[in-house]
């Protein structure tokens, strides 16, 4: 069995996939907003340089968001499928304390998503400013426990802050993401490290 004091750092592409997936709700709202503001341009005028330039100007940003969102959702599915395959390489532990952290997703939405909903994306500066802020938030995201706080993942998974006893009898703590909506103290689970004190978990019962 693997030891939980070994840190498995996710690949950068996996961290990026989780980050983009967490912003998919915002991207959908931005796309709908941009389409509604430019709906008068949704007329077929043939394929030529002028129509392509107009499409890029009015809908290029939305098209980019749709594309990266689709690829991130596909990547996220493969990522968690890989976690499921590797969970048996983790360690069996017994929970001594469990605290539900699902409410963190609400705080994440309020802090990192809602402020962007009312922003305009009609000029290059506005798009550049948005991209610049996304890069800054991404750096914060991948170096914190925000990595597991994801509105999309909350439809299937739950987040818990736990204290546990590992096989060697030592007490540790961390944050887990697990399919179970409720878990109790004294439950035996498998945990697979995916970051510093971050684990993918599966109930053994």
N, C-alpha and C. Protein backbone atom coordinates (compact mmCIF):
# COMPACT_ATOMS: atom_id res chain seq x y z
N UNK A 1 0.84 -1.21 0.00
CA UNK A 1 0.00 0.00 0.00
C UNK A 1 0.87 1.25 0.00
N UNK A 2 0.40 2.32 -0.69
CA UNK A 2 1.14 3.58 -0.69
C UNK A 2 0.96 4.27 0.64
N UNK A 3 1.89 5.15 0.96
CA UNK A 3 1.80 5.88 2.21
C UNK A 3 1.26 7.27 1.93
N UNK A 4 0.45 7.78 2.86
CA UNK A 4 -0.20 9.06 2.65
C UNK A 4 0.74 10.23 2.85
N UNK A 5 1.97 9.99 3.37
CA UNK A 5 2.92 11.09 3.49
C UNK A 5 3.67 11.32 2.19
N UNK A 6 3.39 10.50 1.18
CA UNK A 6 3.95 10.71 -0.15
C UNK A 6 3.01 11.62 -0.93
N UNK A 7 3.55 12.71 -1.47
CA UNK A 7 2.72 13.68 -2.17
C UNK A 7 2.75 13.40 -3.66
N UNK A 8 1.60 13.09 -4.24
CA UNK A 8 1.48 12.93 -5.67
C UNK A 8 0.97 14.24 -6.26
N UNK A 9 1.83 14.99 -6.88
CA UNK A 9 1.43 16.27 -7.46
C UNK A 9 0.79 15.99 -8.82
N UNK A 10 -0.38 16.57 -9.04
CA UNK A 10 -1.04 16.41 -10.33
C UNK A 10 -0.22 17.07 -11.42
N UNK A 11 -0.31 16.52 -12.62
CA UNK A 11 0.33 17.16 -13.76
C UNK A 11 -0.32 18.53 -13.98
N UNK A 12 0.45 19.46 -14.54
CA UNK A 12 -0.06 20.80 -14.79
C UNK A 12 -1.33 20.78 -15.63
N UNK A 13 -1.37 19.88 -16.61
CA UNK A 13 -2.54 19.82 -17.48
C UNK A 13 -3.77 19.39 -16.69
N UNK A 14 -3.57 18.50 -15.69
CA UNK A 14 -4.69 18.06 -14.85
C UNK A 14 -5.18 19.20 -13.97
N UNK A 15 -4.24 19.99 -13.43
CA UNK A 15 -4.62 21.14 -12.62
C UNK A 15 -5.38 22.16 -13.46
N UNK A 16 -4.92 22.35 -14.70
CA UNK A 16 -5.59 23.30 -15.60
C UNK A 16 -6.99 22.82 -15.94
N UNK A 17 -7.14 21.52 -16.15
CA UNK A 17 -8.45 20.94 -16.45
C UNK A 17 -9.42 21.19 -15.29
N UNK A 18 -8.98 20.96 -14.07
CA UNK A 18 -9.83 21.19 -12.90
C UNK A 18 -10.19 22.66 -12.76
N UNK A 19 -9.23 23.53 -13.04
CA UNK A 19 -9.48 24.97 -12.94
C UNK A 19 -10.52 25.42 -13.96
N UNK A 20 -10.33 25.03 -15.21
CA UNK A 20 -11.27 25.43 -16.26
C UNK A 20 -12.65 24.87 -15.99
N UNK A 21 -12.70 23.61 -15.53
CA UNK A 21 -13.98 22.99 -15.23
C UNK A 21 -14.72 23.77 -14.14
N UNK A 22 -13.99 24.27 -13.16
CA UNK A 22 -14.63 25.02 -12.07
C UNK A 22 -15.25 26.32 -12.58
N UNK A 23 -14.77 26.81 -13.71
CA UNK A 23 -15.30 28.06 -14.26
C UNK A 23 -16.28 27.84 -15.41
N UNK A 24 -16.60 26.60 -15.71
CA UNK A 24 -17.54 26.31 -16.80
C UNK A 24 -18.89 27.01 -16.63
N UNK A 25 -19.47 27.07 -15.41
CA UNK A 25 -20.74 27.81 -15.26
C UNK A 25 -20.61 29.27 -15.67
N UNK A 26 -19.50 29.91 -15.30
CA UNK A 26 -19.28 31.30 -15.69
C UNK A 26 -19.13 31.42 -17.20
N UNK A 27 -18.38 30.50 -17.80
CA UNK A 27 -18.17 30.55 -19.24
C UNK A 27 -19.50 30.42 -20.00
N UNK A 28 -20.38 29.55 -19.51
CA UNK A 28 -21.69 29.39 -20.15
C UNK A 28 -22.48 30.69 -20.09
N UNK A 29 -22.45 31.35 -18.93
CA UNK A 29 -23.17 32.62 -18.78
C UNK A 29 -22.58 33.71 -19.67
N UNK A 30 -21.25 33.73 -19.79
CA UNK A 30 -20.60 34.71 -20.66
C UNK A 30 -20.99 34.49 -22.11
N UNK A 31 -21.01 33.22 -22.52
CA UNK A 31 -21.40 32.88 -23.90
C UNK A 31 -22.83 33.33 -24.18
N UNK A 32 -23.74 33.03 -23.27
CA UNK A 32 -25.14 33.43 -23.44
C UNK A 32 -25.27 34.95 -23.48
N UNK A 33 -24.51 35.63 -22.66
CA UNK A 33 -24.54 37.09 -22.61
C UNK A 33 -24.04 37.68 -23.92
N UNK A 34 -22.92 37.15 -24.42
CA UNK A 34 -22.35 37.68 -25.66
C UNK A 34 -23.24 37.39 -26.86
N UNK A 35 -23.86 36.23 -26.87
CA UNK A 35 -24.77 35.89 -27.97
C UNK A 35 -26.00 36.79 -27.94
N UNK A 36 -26.56 37.01 -26.76
CA UNK A 36 -27.76 37.86 -26.65
C UNK A 36 -27.46 39.30 -27.06
N UNK A 37 -26.25 39.77 -26.77
CA UNK A 37 -25.88 41.14 -27.12
C UNK A 37 -25.59 41.30 -28.62
N UNK A 38 -25.26 40.20 -29.28
CA UNK A 38 -24.90 40.27 -30.70
C UNK A 38 -25.80 39.40 -31.57
N UNK A 39 -27.01 39.15 -31.09
CA UNK A 39 -27.91 38.25 -31.81
C UNK A 39 -28.25 38.77 -33.21
N UNK A 40 -28.21 40.08 -33.41
CA UNK A 40 -28.53 40.65 -34.73
C UNK A 40 -27.50 40.28 -35.79
N UNK A 41 -26.33 39.82 -35.35
CA UNK A 41 -25.27 39.44 -36.30
C UNK A 41 -25.35 37.96 -36.68
N UNK A 42 -26.32 37.24 -36.09
CA UNK A 42 -26.45 35.81 -36.39
C UNK A 42 -27.27 35.60 -37.66
N UNK A 43 -26.73 36.07 -38.75
CA UNK A 43 -27.35 35.89 -40.06
C UNK A 43 -26.33 35.28 -41.00
N UNK A 44 -26.76 34.30 -41.76
CA UNK A 44 -25.85 33.64 -42.70
C UNK A 44 -25.55 34.57 -43.87
N UNK A 45 -24.27 34.90 -44.02
CA UNK A 45 -23.86 35.79 -45.11
C UNK A 45 -22.80 35.17 -45.98
N UNK A 46 -22.73 33.83 -45.94
CA UNK A 46 -21.70 33.16 -46.73
C UNK A 46 -20.37 33.14 -45.99
N UNK A 47 -19.43 32.42 -46.57
CA UNK A 47 -18.09 32.32 -45.99
C UNK A 47 -17.13 33.18 -46.79
N UNK A 48 -16.69 34.24 -46.19
CA UNK A 48 -15.71 35.13 -46.81
C UNK A 48 -14.92 35.81 -45.69
N UNK A 49 -13.92 36.58 -46.09
CA UNK A 49 -13.05 37.20 -45.09
C UNK A 49 -13.83 38.13 -44.16
N UNK A 50 -14.75 38.88 -44.73
CA UNK A 50 -15.52 39.83 -43.92
C UNK A 50 -16.37 39.11 -42.88
N UNK A 51 -17.04 38.04 -43.30
CA UNK A 51 -17.91 37.31 -42.36
C UNK A 51 -17.09 36.60 -41.28
N UNK A 52 -15.91 36.09 -41.65
CA UNK A 52 -15.04 35.43 -40.68
C UNK A 52 -14.53 36.43 -39.64
N UNK A 53 -14.11 37.61 -40.13
CA UNK A 53 -13.63 38.65 -39.22
C UNK A 53 -14.74 39.11 -38.27
N UNK A 54 -15.97 39.21 -38.80
CA UNK A 54 -17.10 39.62 -37.98
C UNK A 54 -17.41 38.57 -36.93
N UNK A 55 -17.34 37.29 -37.34
CA UNK A 55 -17.59 36.20 -36.39
C UNK A 55 -16.56 36.23 -35.26
N UNK A 56 -15.30 36.42 -35.61
CA UNK A 56 -14.24 36.47 -34.60
C UNK A 56 -14.45 37.65 -33.65
N UNK A 57 -14.84 38.79 -34.22
CA UNK A 57 -15.03 39.99 -33.42
C UNK A 57 -16.20 39.86 -32.45
N UNK A 58 -17.30 39.29 -32.92
CA UNK A 58 -18.51 39.24 -32.11
C UNK A 58 -18.66 37.95 -31.30
N UNK A 59 -18.12 36.85 -31.83
CA UNK A 59 -18.35 35.56 -31.17
C UNK A 59 -17.08 34.75 -30.94
N UNK A 60 -15.92 35.32 -31.29
CA UNK A 60 -14.67 34.58 -31.14
C UNK A 60 -14.37 34.20 -29.70
N UNK A 61 -14.62 35.12 -28.78
CA UNK A 61 -14.38 34.85 -27.36
C UNK A 61 -15.28 33.74 -26.86
N UNK A 62 -16.55 33.80 -27.25
CA UNK A 62 -17.51 32.76 -26.85
C UNK A 62 -17.11 31.41 -27.42
N UNK A 63 -16.70 31.39 -28.68
CA UNK A 63 -16.29 30.14 -29.32
C UNK A 63 -15.09 29.54 -28.58
N UNK A 64 -14.15 30.40 -28.18
CA UNK A 64 -12.97 29.92 -27.44
C UNK A 64 -13.38 29.32 -26.09
N UNK A 65 -14.30 29.99 -25.39
CA UNK A 65 -14.75 29.49 -24.09
C UNK A 65 -15.48 28.16 -24.23
N UNK A 66 -16.31 28.03 -25.26
CA UNK A 66 -17.03 26.78 -25.49
C UNK A 66 -16.04 25.65 -25.76
N UNK A 67 -15.04 25.93 -26.59
CA UNK A 67 -14.06 24.91 -26.97
C UNK A 67 -13.26 24.41 -25.77
N UNK A 68 -12.71 25.35 -24.98
CA UNK A 68 -11.90 24.92 -23.84
C UNK A 68 -12.75 24.27 -22.75
N UNK A 69 -14.02 24.67 -22.66
CA UNK A 69 -14.91 24.05 -21.67
C UNK A 69 -15.19 22.60 -22.03
N UNK A 70 -15.44 22.34 -23.31
CA UNK A 70 -15.70 20.97 -23.76
C UNK A 70 -14.49 20.08 -23.50
N UNK A 71 -13.31 20.57 -23.88
CA UNK A 71 -12.09 19.78 -23.68
C UNK A 71 -11.80 19.57 -22.19
N UNK A 72 -12.08 20.57 -21.37
CA UNK A 72 -11.83 20.43 -19.93
C UNK A 72 -12.77 19.42 -19.29
N UNK A 73 -14.03 19.40 -19.73
CA UNK A 73 -14.99 18.44 -19.19
C UNK A 73 -14.61 17.01 -19.58
N UNK A 74 -14.15 16.85 -20.82
CA UNK A 74 -13.68 15.53 -21.26
C UNK A 74 -12.44 15.12 -20.46
N UNK A 75 -11.51 16.08 -20.30
CA UNK A 75 -10.30 15.81 -19.53
C UNK A 75 -10.60 15.48 -18.08
N UNK A 76 -11.59 16.15 -17.51
CA UNK A 76 -11.97 15.90 -16.11
C UNK A 76 -12.53 14.49 -15.95
N UNK A 77 -13.28 14.06 -16.93
CA UNK A 77 -13.84 12.70 -16.89
C UNK A 77 -12.72 11.65 -16.90
N UNK A 78 -11.72 11.87 -17.77
CA UNK A 78 -10.58 10.95 -17.83
C UNK A 78 -9.76 11.00 -16.54
N UNK A 79 -9.62 12.20 -15.98
CA UNK A 79 -8.84 12.37 -14.76
C UNK A 79 -9.44 11.59 -13.60
N UNK A 80 -10.75 11.70 -13.41
CA UNK A 80 -11.38 11.00 -12.29
C UNK A 80 -11.51 9.50 -12.56
N UNK A 81 -11.56 9.13 -13.83
CA UNK A 81 -11.51 7.72 -14.17
C UNK A 81 -10.16 7.14 -13.77
N UNK A 82 -9.11 7.93 -13.95
CA UNK A 82 -7.77 7.51 -13.56
C UNK A 82 -7.64 7.42 -12.03
N UNK A 83 -8.27 8.36 -11.33
CA UNK A 83 -8.29 8.29 -9.86
C UNK A 83 -8.94 7.00 -9.39
N UNK A 84 -10.05 6.64 -10.04
CA UNK A 84 -10.77 5.42 -9.67
C UNK A 84 -9.89 4.18 -9.86
N UNK A 85 -9.10 4.19 -10.93
CA UNK A 85 -8.22 3.05 -11.20
C UNK A 85 -7.08 2.96 -10.19
N UNK A 86 -6.64 4.12 -9.70
CA UNK A 86 -5.48 4.14 -8.81
C UNK A 86 -5.83 4.12 -7.32
N UNK A 87 -7.12 4.17 -7.00
CA UNK A 87 -7.51 4.28 -5.60
C UNK A 87 -7.00 3.12 -4.75
N UNK A 88 -6.89 1.94 -5.35
CA UNK A 88 -6.41 0.78 -4.59
C UNK A 88 -4.91 0.85 -4.31
N UNK A 89 -4.22 1.79 -4.96
CA UNK A 89 -2.80 2.01 -4.68
C UNK A 89 -2.60 2.99 -3.53
N UNK A 90 -3.71 3.49 -3.00
CA UNK A 90 -3.64 4.42 -1.88
C UNK A 90 -3.51 3.67 -0.56
N UNK A 91 -3.95 4.28 0.51
CA UNK A 91 -3.81 3.68 1.84
C UNK A 91 -5.17 3.58 2.51
N UNK A 92 -5.34 2.52 3.28
CA UNK A 92 -6.56 2.34 4.06
C UNK A 92 -6.39 3.07 5.38
N UNK A 93 -7.35 3.95 5.69
CA UNK A 93 -7.27 4.72 6.94
C UNK A 93 -8.62 4.68 7.65
N UNK A 94 -8.60 5.04 8.92
CA UNK A 94 -9.83 5.11 9.72
C UNK A 94 -10.07 6.56 10.12
N UNK A 95 -11.25 7.06 9.85
CA UNK A 95 -11.58 8.45 10.14
C UNK A 95 -11.84 8.65 11.63
N UNK A 96 -11.29 9.70 12.18
CA UNK A 96 -11.55 10.04 13.58
C UNK A 96 -12.37 11.32 13.71
N UNK A 97 -12.35 12.15 12.66
CA UNK A 97 -13.14 13.38 12.68
C UNK A 97 -13.47 13.76 11.24
N UNK A 98 -14.72 14.19 11.02
CA UNK A 98 -15.17 14.52 9.66
C UNK A 98 -15.94 15.83 9.69
N UNK A 99 -15.57 16.74 8.80
CA UNK A 99 -16.29 18.02 8.68
C UNK A 99 -16.63 18.27 7.22
N UNK A 100 -17.92 18.46 6.97
CA UNK A 100 -18.39 18.69 5.60
C UNK A 100 -17.92 20.06 5.10
N UNK A 101 -17.34 20.09 3.89
CA UNK A 101 -16.86 21.34 3.32
C UNK A 101 -17.55 21.68 2.00
N UNK A 102 -18.71 21.06 1.76
CA UNK A 102 -19.42 21.31 0.50
C UNK A 102 -19.85 22.76 0.35
N UNK A 103 -20.05 23.44 1.46
CA UNK A 103 -20.48 24.84 1.40
C UNK A 103 -19.40 25.74 0.81
N UNK A 104 -18.16 25.24 0.74
CA UNK A 104 -17.07 26.02 0.16
C UNK A 104 -17.35 26.36 -1.30
N UNK A 105 -18.11 25.49 -1.98
CA UNK A 105 -18.43 25.74 -3.39
C UNK A 105 -19.27 27.00 -3.55
N UNK A 106 -20.15 27.25 -2.57
CA UNK A 106 -20.98 28.46 -2.61
C UNK A 106 -20.09 29.70 -2.46
N UNK A 107 -19.15 29.63 -1.53
CA UNK A 107 -18.22 30.74 -1.35
C UNK A 107 -17.36 30.95 -2.57
N UNK A 108 -16.98 29.86 -3.22
CA UNK A 108 -16.17 29.94 -4.44
C UNK A 108 -16.93 30.66 -5.54
N UNK A 109 -18.21 30.30 -5.69
CA UNK A 109 -19.04 30.94 -6.71
C UNK A 109 -19.19 32.43 -6.43
N UNK A 110 -19.46 32.77 -5.17
CA UNK A 110 -19.67 34.17 -4.80
C UNK A 110 -18.41 35.01 -4.97
N UNK A 111 -17.26 34.41 -4.68
CA UNK A 111 -16.00 35.16 -4.71
C UNK A 111 -15.34 35.20 -6.08
N UNK A 112 -15.35 34.05 -6.78
CA UNK A 112 -14.55 33.95 -7.99
C UNK A 112 -15.36 33.91 -9.29
N UNK A 113 -16.68 33.75 -9.20
CA UNK A 113 -17.47 33.63 -10.42
C UNK A 113 -18.44 34.79 -10.60
N UNK A 114 -19.27 35.06 -9.60
CA UNK A 114 -20.30 36.09 -9.72
C UNK A 114 -19.75 37.46 -10.14
N UNK A 115 -18.59 37.93 -9.61
CA UNK A 115 -18.09 39.25 -10.01
C UNK A 115 -17.87 39.40 -11.51
N UNK A 116 -17.63 38.28 -12.21
CA UNK A 116 -17.37 38.37 -13.65
C UNK A 116 -18.64 38.37 -14.49
N UNK A 117 -19.76 37.98 -13.90
CA UNK A 117 -21.00 37.85 -14.66
C UNK A 117 -21.43 39.18 -15.27
N UNK A 118 -21.21 40.27 -14.54
CA UNK A 118 -21.69 41.58 -14.98
C UNK A 118 -20.64 42.36 -15.76
N UNK A 119 -19.53 41.71 -16.07
CA UNK A 119 -18.49 42.37 -16.84
C UNK A 119 -18.79 42.26 -18.33
N UNK A 120 -18.42 43.28 -19.09
CA UNK A 120 -18.60 43.25 -20.55
C UNK A 120 -17.35 42.65 -21.19
N UNK A 121 -17.53 42.03 -22.34
CA UNK A 121 -16.41 41.41 -23.05
C UNK A 121 -16.46 41.80 -24.53
N UNK A 122 -16.66 43.08 -24.78
CA UNK A 122 -16.82 43.55 -26.15
C UNK A 122 -15.56 44.15 -26.74
N UNK A 123 -14.56 44.43 -25.90
CA UNK A 123 -13.33 45.02 -26.41
C UNK A 123 -12.14 44.12 -26.08
N UNK A 124 -11.05 44.34 -26.79
CA UNK A 124 -9.85 43.55 -26.55
C UNK A 124 -9.31 43.76 -25.14
N UNK A 125 -9.42 45.00 -24.66
CA UNK A 125 -8.94 45.28 -23.31
C UNK A 125 -9.72 44.48 -22.27
N UNK A 126 -11.04 44.43 -22.41
CA UNK A 126 -11.88 43.70 -21.45
C UNK A 126 -11.56 42.21 -21.47
N UNK A 127 -11.33 41.68 -22.66
CA UNK A 127 -10.97 40.26 -22.78
C UNK A 127 -9.58 40.01 -22.21
N UNK A 128 -8.65 40.94 -22.48
CA UNK A 128 -7.29 40.81 -21.93
C UNK A 128 -7.32 40.88 -20.41
N UNK A 129 -8.09 41.82 -19.86
CA UNK A 129 -8.19 41.97 -18.40
C UNK A 129 -8.76 40.71 -17.77
N UNK A 130 -9.78 40.14 -18.40
CA UNK A 130 -10.39 38.91 -17.91
C UNK A 130 -9.37 37.77 -17.92
N UNK A 131 -8.65 37.63 -19.03
CA UNK A 131 -7.64 36.57 -19.16
C UNK A 131 -6.53 36.74 -18.13
N UNK A 132 -6.10 37.98 -17.93
CA UNK A 132 -5.04 38.28 -16.96
C UNK A 132 -5.48 37.89 -15.54
N UNK A 133 -6.71 38.23 -15.19
CA UNK A 133 -7.23 37.87 -13.86
C UNK A 133 -7.37 36.36 -13.72
N UNK A 134 -7.76 35.68 -14.80
CA UNK A 134 -7.87 34.23 -14.77
C UNK A 134 -6.52 33.58 -14.49
N UNK A 135 -5.47 34.13 -15.07
CA UNK A 135 -4.13 33.59 -14.85
C UNK A 135 -3.73 33.74 -13.38
N UNK A 136 -4.02 34.91 -12.80
CA UNK A 136 -3.70 35.14 -11.39
C UNK A 136 -4.48 34.19 -10.49
N UNK A 137 -5.79 34.05 -10.76
CA UNK A 137 -6.63 33.16 -9.96
C UNK A 137 -6.17 31.71 -10.12
N UNK A 138 -5.75 31.35 -11.32
CA UNK A 138 -5.26 29.99 -11.58
C UNK A 138 -4.05 29.67 -10.69
N UNK A 139 -3.13 30.63 -10.58
CA UNK A 139 -1.95 30.40 -9.75
C UNK A 139 -2.34 30.20 -8.28
N UNK A 140 -3.33 30.96 -7.83
CA UNK A 140 -3.83 30.79 -6.45
C UNK A 140 -4.52 29.44 -6.32
N UNK A 141 -5.31 29.10 -7.32
CA UNK A 141 -6.13 27.90 -7.32
C UNK A 141 -5.28 26.63 -7.17
N UNK A 142 -4.23 26.51 -7.97
CA UNK A 142 -3.46 25.27 -7.99
C UNK A 142 -2.54 25.12 -6.79
N UNK A 143 -2.34 26.19 -6.04
CA UNK A 143 -1.47 26.13 -4.87
C UNK A 143 -2.26 26.17 -3.56
N UNK A 144 -3.53 25.81 -3.64
CA UNK A 144 -4.38 25.81 -2.44
C UNK A 144 -5.36 24.65 -2.52
N UNK A 145 -6.18 24.51 -1.48
CA UNK A 145 -7.19 23.45 -1.49
C UNK A 145 -8.38 23.78 -2.38
N UNK A 146 -8.33 24.93 -3.07
CA UNK A 146 -9.37 25.26 -4.04
C UNK A 146 -9.41 24.23 -5.16
N UNK A 147 -8.32 23.47 -5.29
CA UNK A 147 -8.22 22.48 -6.35
C UNK A 147 -9.38 21.49 -6.33
N UNK A 148 -9.91 21.21 -5.14
CA UNK A 148 -11.02 20.27 -5.01
C UNK A 148 -12.38 20.97 -4.91
N UNK A 149 -12.37 22.29 -4.75
CA UNK A 149 -13.63 23.03 -4.61
C UNK A 149 -14.08 23.46 -5.99
N UNK A 150 -15.07 22.74 -6.50
CA UNK A 150 -15.46 22.88 -7.90
C UNK A 150 -16.98 22.72 -8.01
N UNK A 151 -17.69 23.75 -8.48
CA UNK A 151 -19.16 23.66 -8.58
C UNK A 151 -19.64 22.51 -9.46
N UNK A 152 -18.89 22.19 -10.50
CA UNK A 152 -19.28 21.10 -11.40
C UNK A 152 -19.12 19.75 -10.70
N UNK A 153 -18.00 19.56 -10.02
CA UNK A 153 -17.75 18.30 -9.33
C UNK A 153 -18.73 18.06 -8.19
N UNK A 154 -19.29 19.14 -7.64
CA UNK A 154 -20.21 19.02 -6.50
C UNK A 154 -21.50 18.29 -6.87
N UNK A 155 -21.78 18.16 -8.18
CA UNK A 155 -22.97 17.40 -8.59
C UNK A 155 -22.80 15.91 -8.30
N UNK A 156 -21.56 15.43 -8.29
CA UNK A 156 -21.32 14.01 -8.09
C UNK A 156 -20.52 13.71 -6.82
N UNK A 157 -19.65 14.64 -6.45
CA UNK A 157 -18.73 14.38 -5.33
C UNK A 157 -18.98 15.33 -4.16
N UNK A 158 -18.51 14.92 -3.01
CA UNK A 158 -18.56 15.75 -1.80
C UNK A 158 -17.15 15.97 -1.29
N UNK A 159 -16.99 17.07 -0.55
CA UNK A 159 -15.68 17.41 0.01
C UNK A 159 -15.77 17.38 1.53
N UNK A 160 -14.80 16.73 2.14
CA UNK A 160 -14.76 16.65 3.60
C UNK A 160 -13.35 16.96 4.10
N UNK A 161 -13.30 17.70 5.18
CA UNK A 161 -12.04 17.88 5.90
C UNK A 161 -11.99 16.78 6.95
N UNK A 162 -10.92 16.01 6.96
CA UNK A 162 -10.88 14.83 7.83
C UNK A 162 -9.63 14.79 8.70
N UNK A 163 -9.77 14.09 9.81
CA UNK A 163 -8.63 13.64 10.59
C UNK A 163 -8.71 12.12 10.59
N UNK A 164 -7.57 11.46 10.46
CA UNK A 164 -7.60 10.01 10.31
C UNK A 164 -6.37 9.38 10.94
N UNK A 165 -6.48 8.08 11.14
CA UNK A 165 -5.36 7.30 11.65
C UNK A 165 -4.87 6.41 10.51
N UNK A 166 -3.61 6.58 10.14
CA UNK A 166 -3.06 5.76 9.07
C UNK A 166 -2.64 4.40 9.62
N UNK A 167 -2.18 3.54 8.73
CA UNK A 167 -1.90 2.16 9.13
C UNK A 167 -0.79 2.05 10.17
N UNK A 168 0.11 3.02 10.18
CA UNK A 168 1.20 2.98 11.16
C UNK A 168 0.78 3.55 12.51
N UNK A 169 -0.50 3.97 12.60
CA UNK A 169 -1.03 4.47 13.86
C UNK A 169 -0.88 5.96 14.06
N UNK A 170 -0.30 6.65 13.09
CA UNK A 170 -0.09 8.09 13.22
C UNK A 170 -1.33 8.86 12.79
N UNK A 171 -1.66 9.92 13.53
CA UNK A 171 -2.81 10.75 13.18
C UNK A 171 -2.40 11.82 12.17
N UNK A 172 -3.25 12.00 11.17
CA UNK A 172 -3.01 13.02 10.15
C UNK A 172 -4.34 13.70 9.80
N UNK A 173 -4.25 14.72 8.97
CA UNK A 173 -5.47 15.40 8.52
C UNK A 173 -5.32 15.77 7.05
N UNK A 174 -6.43 16.10 6.43
CA UNK A 174 -6.40 16.47 5.02
C UNK A 174 -7.79 16.76 4.50
N UNK A 175 -7.86 16.95 3.20
CA UNK A 175 -9.11 17.24 2.52
C UNK A 175 -9.35 16.15 1.49
N UNK A 176 -10.55 15.57 1.49
CA UNK A 176 -10.85 14.49 0.54
C UNK A 176 -12.02 14.87 -0.35
N UNK A 177 -12.02 14.28 -1.54
CA UNK A 177 -13.17 14.36 -2.43
C UNK A 177 -13.64 12.93 -2.64
N UNK A 178 -14.93 12.70 -2.41
CA UNK A 178 -15.47 11.34 -2.39
C UNK A 178 -16.89 11.35 -2.94
N UNK A 179 -17.32 10.23 -3.50
CA UNK A 179 -18.66 10.16 -4.08
C UNK A 179 -19.76 10.15 -3.03
N UNK A 180 -19.46 9.67 -1.84
CA UNK A 180 -20.47 9.61 -0.78
C UNK A 180 -20.90 11.01 -0.35
N UNK A 181 -22.19 11.18 -0.14
CA UNK A 181 -22.70 12.47 0.33
C UNK A 181 -22.53 12.64 1.84
N UNK A 182 -22.47 11.50 2.54
CA UNK A 182 -22.31 11.55 3.99
C UNK A 182 -21.33 10.47 4.41
N UNK A 183 -20.40 10.80 5.30
CA UNK A 183 -19.53 9.80 5.91
C UNK A 183 -19.40 10.13 7.40
N UNK A 184 -19.17 9.10 8.19
CA UNK A 184 -19.14 9.26 9.65
C UNK A 184 -17.77 8.92 10.21
N UNK A 185 -17.55 9.33 11.44
CA UNK A 185 -16.33 8.94 12.15
C UNK A 185 -16.28 7.41 12.27
N UNK A 186 -15.08 6.89 12.37
CA UNK A 186 -14.80 5.45 12.49
C UNK A 186 -15.03 4.71 11.18
N UNK A 187 -15.31 5.44 10.10
CA UNK A 187 -15.46 4.81 8.79
C UNK A 187 -14.07 4.50 8.22
N UNK A 188 -13.96 3.35 7.57
CA UNK A 188 -12.70 2.95 6.94
C UNK A 188 -12.77 3.31 5.45
N UNK A 189 -11.80 4.07 4.97
CA UNK A 189 -11.80 4.49 3.56
C UNK A 189 -10.42 4.30 2.95
N UNK A 190 -10.40 4.25 1.62
CA UNK A 190 -9.15 4.30 0.87
C UNK A 190 -8.89 5.74 0.47
N UNK A 191 -7.67 6.22 0.65
CA UNK A 191 -7.33 7.57 0.20
C UNK A 191 -6.12 7.50 -0.73
N UNK A 192 -6.21 8.26 -1.82
CA UNK A 192 -5.13 8.32 -2.80
C UNK A 192 -4.67 9.78 -2.91
N UNK A 193 -3.41 10.07 -2.59
CA UNK A 193 -2.94 11.47 -2.58
C UNK A 193 -2.87 12.07 -3.98
N UNK A 194 -3.42 13.29 -4.12
CA UNK A 194 -3.37 13.99 -5.41
C UNK A 194 -2.78 15.39 -5.23
N UNK A 195 -2.30 15.69 -4.04
CA UNK A 195 -1.70 16.98 -3.75
C UNK A 195 -1.34 17.04 -2.28
N UNK A 196 -0.86 18.20 -1.81
CA UNK A 196 -0.49 18.32 -0.41
C UNK A 196 -1.74 18.29 0.46
N UNK A 197 -1.88 17.20 1.22
CA UNK A 197 -3.03 16.97 2.08
C UNK A 197 -4.35 16.99 1.31
N UNK A 198 -4.30 16.63 0.04
CA UNK A 198 -5.49 16.51 -0.80
C UNK A 198 -5.58 15.07 -1.28
N UNK A 199 -6.78 14.47 -1.15
CA UNK A 199 -6.91 13.05 -1.47
C UNK A 199 -8.20 12.77 -2.24
N UNK A 200 -8.10 11.80 -3.14
CA UNK A 200 -9.30 11.19 -3.71
C UNK A 200 -9.61 10.00 -2.82
N UNK A 201 -10.86 9.83 -2.43
CA UNK A 201 -11.19 8.80 -1.45
C UNK A 201 -12.34 7.91 -1.93
N UNK A 202 -12.38 6.72 -1.35
CA UNK A 202 -13.46 5.77 -1.65
C UNK A 202 -13.80 5.01 -0.38
N UNK A 203 -15.09 4.92 -0.10
CA UNK A 203 -15.55 4.21 1.09
C UNK A 203 -15.37 2.72 0.88
N UNK A 204 -14.84 2.03 1.88
CA UNK A 204 -14.62 0.59 1.78
C UNK A 204 -15.83 -0.21 2.23
N UNK A 205 -16.82 0.45 2.80
CA UNK A 205 -17.97 -0.29 3.34
C UNK A 205 -19.08 -0.39 2.31
